[in-house]
Protein backbone atom coordinates (compact mmCIF):
# COMPACT_ATOMS: atom_id res chain seq x y z
CA UNK A 1 -2.92 -10.19 10.02
CA UNK A 2 -5.68 -7.56 10.13
CA UNK A 3 -8.15 -9.93 8.46
CA UNK A 4 -7.33 -12.71 10.92
CA UNK A 5 -7.81 -10.40 13.92
CA UNK A 6 -10.92 -8.84 12.35
CA UNK A 7 -12.65 -12.20 11.95
CA UNK A 8 -11.82 -13.28 15.47
CA UNK A 9 -13.00 -9.97 16.95
CA UNK A 10 -16.32 -10.23 15.12
CA UNK A 11 -16.81 -13.80 16.41
CA UNK A 12 -15.93 -12.83 19.97
CA UNK A 13 -18.21 -9.79 19.90
CA UNK A 14 -21.14 -11.85 18.67
CA UNK A 15 -20.48 -14.56 21.28
CA UNK A 16 -20.75 -11.86 23.97
CA UNK A 17 -23.92 -10.48 22.33
CA UNK A 18 -22.38 -7.03 22.05
CA UNK A 19 -22.90 -4.45 19.34
CA UNK A 20 -19.99 -2.71 17.64
CA UNK A 21 -21.11 0.47 19.39
CA UNK A 22 -20.93 -1.17 22.83
CA UNK A 23 -17.44 -2.55 22.16
CA UNK A 24 -16.27 0.76 20.74
CA UNK A 25 -17.54 2.55 23.84
CA UNK A 26 -15.66 0.15 26.13
CA UNK A 27 -12.49 0.64 24.07
CA UNK A 28 -12.93 4.44 24.08
CA UNK A 29 -13.18 4.78 20.31
CA UNK A 30 -15.86 5.57 17.77
CA UNK A 31 -18.09 2.86 16.36
CA UNK A 32 -16.79 3.60 12.88
CA UNK A 33 -13.18 3.12 14.05
CA UNK A 34 -14.09 -0.21 15.62
CA UNK A 35 -16.05 -1.16 12.50
CA UNK A 36 -12.92 -0.61 10.39
CA UNK A 37 -11.01 -2.93 12.73
CA UNK A 38 -13.64 -5.67 12.28
CA UNK A 39 -13.53 -5.20 8.51
CA UNK A 40 -9.76 -5.63 8.52
CA UNK A 41 -9.27 -2.09 7.20
CA UNK A 42 -7.41 -0.86 10.27
CA UNK A 43 -4.57 -2.11 12.41
CA UNK A 44 -5.45 0.13 15.34
CA UNK A 45 -6.52 -3.01 17.21
CA UNK A 46 -2.85 -3.28 18.25
CA UNK A 47 -3.09 -0.08 20.28
CA UNK A 48 -6.07 -1.56 22.15
CA UNK A 49 -4.80 -5.12 22.43
CA UNK A 50 -4.75 -5.28 26.21
CA UNK A 51 -8.28 -3.86 26.54
CA UNK A 52 -9.60 -6.14 23.78
CA UNK A 53 -8.12 -9.21 25.45
CA UNK A 54 -9.52 -8.17 28.80
CA UNK A 55 -12.97 -7.47 27.33
CA UNK A 56 -13.17 -10.82 25.55
CA UNK A 57 -11.17 -12.75 28.16
CA UNK A 58 -8.63 -14.09 25.69
CA UNK A 59 -4.84 -14.14 25.73
CA UNK A 60 -3.12 -12.03 23.05
CA UNK A 61 -1.40 -15.07 21.61
CA UNK A 62 -4.79 -16.77 21.18
CA UNK A 63 -6.14 -13.75 19.35
CA UNK A 64 -3.25 -13.82 16.91
CA UNK A 65 -3.11 -17.56 16.24
CA UNK A 66 -4.32 -18.78 12.87
CA UNK A 67 -6.36 -21.56 14.46
CA UNK A 68 -9.36 -21.31 16.80
CA UNK A 69 -9.66 -19.19 19.93
CA UNK A 70 -9.33 -20.53 23.45
CA UNK A 71 -11.03 -18.40 26.07
CA UNK A 72 -8.84 -17.71 29.12
CA UNK A 73 -9.62 -19.98 31.99
CA UNK A 74 -6.26 -19.90 33.68
CA UNK A 75 -4.94 -16.96 35.73
CA UNK A 76 -1.36 -17.95 34.86
CA UNK A 77 -2.05 -17.06 31.23
CA UNK A 78 -3.13 -13.60 32.34
CA UNK A 79 0.29 -13.06 33.91
CA UNK A 80 1.97 -13.89 30.61
CA UNK A 81 -0.20 -11.38 28.73
CA UNK A 82 2.08 -8.45 29.48
CA UNK A 83 5.09 -10.33 28.08
CA UNK A 84 3.19 -11.23 24.93
CA UNK A 85 1.93 -7.66 24.55
CA UNK A 86 5.47 -6.36 24.85
CA UNK A 87 6.70 -8.79 22.18
CA UNK A 88 3.84 -7.92 19.87
CA UNK A 89 4.43 -4.21 20.40
CA UNK A 90 8.10 -4.59 19.56
CA UNK A 91 7.24 -6.51 16.39
CA UNK A 92 4.71 -3.87 15.36
CA UNK A 93 7.25 -1.11 15.92
CA UNK A 94 9.77 -3.03 13.81
CA UNK A 95 7.25 -3.38 11.00
CA UNK A 96 6.32 0.29 11.26
CA UNK A 97 9.96 1.33 11.01
CA UNK A 98 10.42 -0.83 7.92
CA UNK A 99 7.40 0.78 6.30
CA UNK A 100 8.72 4.24 7.13
CA UNK A 101 12.00 3.41 5.41
CA UNK A 102 10.12 2.09 2.38
CA UNK A 103 8.05 5.26 2.29
CA UNK A 104 11.19 7.44 2.44
CA UNK A 105 12.75 5.43 -0.38
CA UNK A 106 9.62 5.80 -2.50
CA UNK A 107 9.51 9.56 -1.85
CA UNK A 108 13.15 9.86 -2.87
CA UNK A 109 12.46 7.98 -6.10
CA UNK A 110 9.52 10.24 -6.89
CA UNK A 111 11.57 13.35 -6.15
CA UNK A 112 14.30 12.15 -8.52
CA UNK A 113 11.75 11.52 -11.27
CA UNK A 114 10.21 14.91 -10.70
CA UNK A 115 13.55 16.73 -10.76
CA UNK A 116 14.62 14.91 -13.95
CA UNK A 117 11.47 16.13 -15.71
CA UNK A 118 12.21 19.78 -14.92
């Protein structure tokens, strides 16, 4: 998902003739943090989804589709953005919780291995 978003963000930024520094400033983050988003190395784009969509005038669902982007031209889509953002946020939280459980399981396995070697 990060690579998909990264590629679309880079395209949108270039279409608006903005530098990474300018976008980062508008999103209240460092240029290096935004650069990691565009490289696909960071998923922090999710925390800035609303601002990103507003900056580039795209609906969240368009940003996350695997096909091409459609720039917002309809105010009704803007009203649905908050619903989409809520759904995306819930999905991200779900995925985060799953990863936390996996991490805990991995830590437990490592602790068992460590204690068996003592």
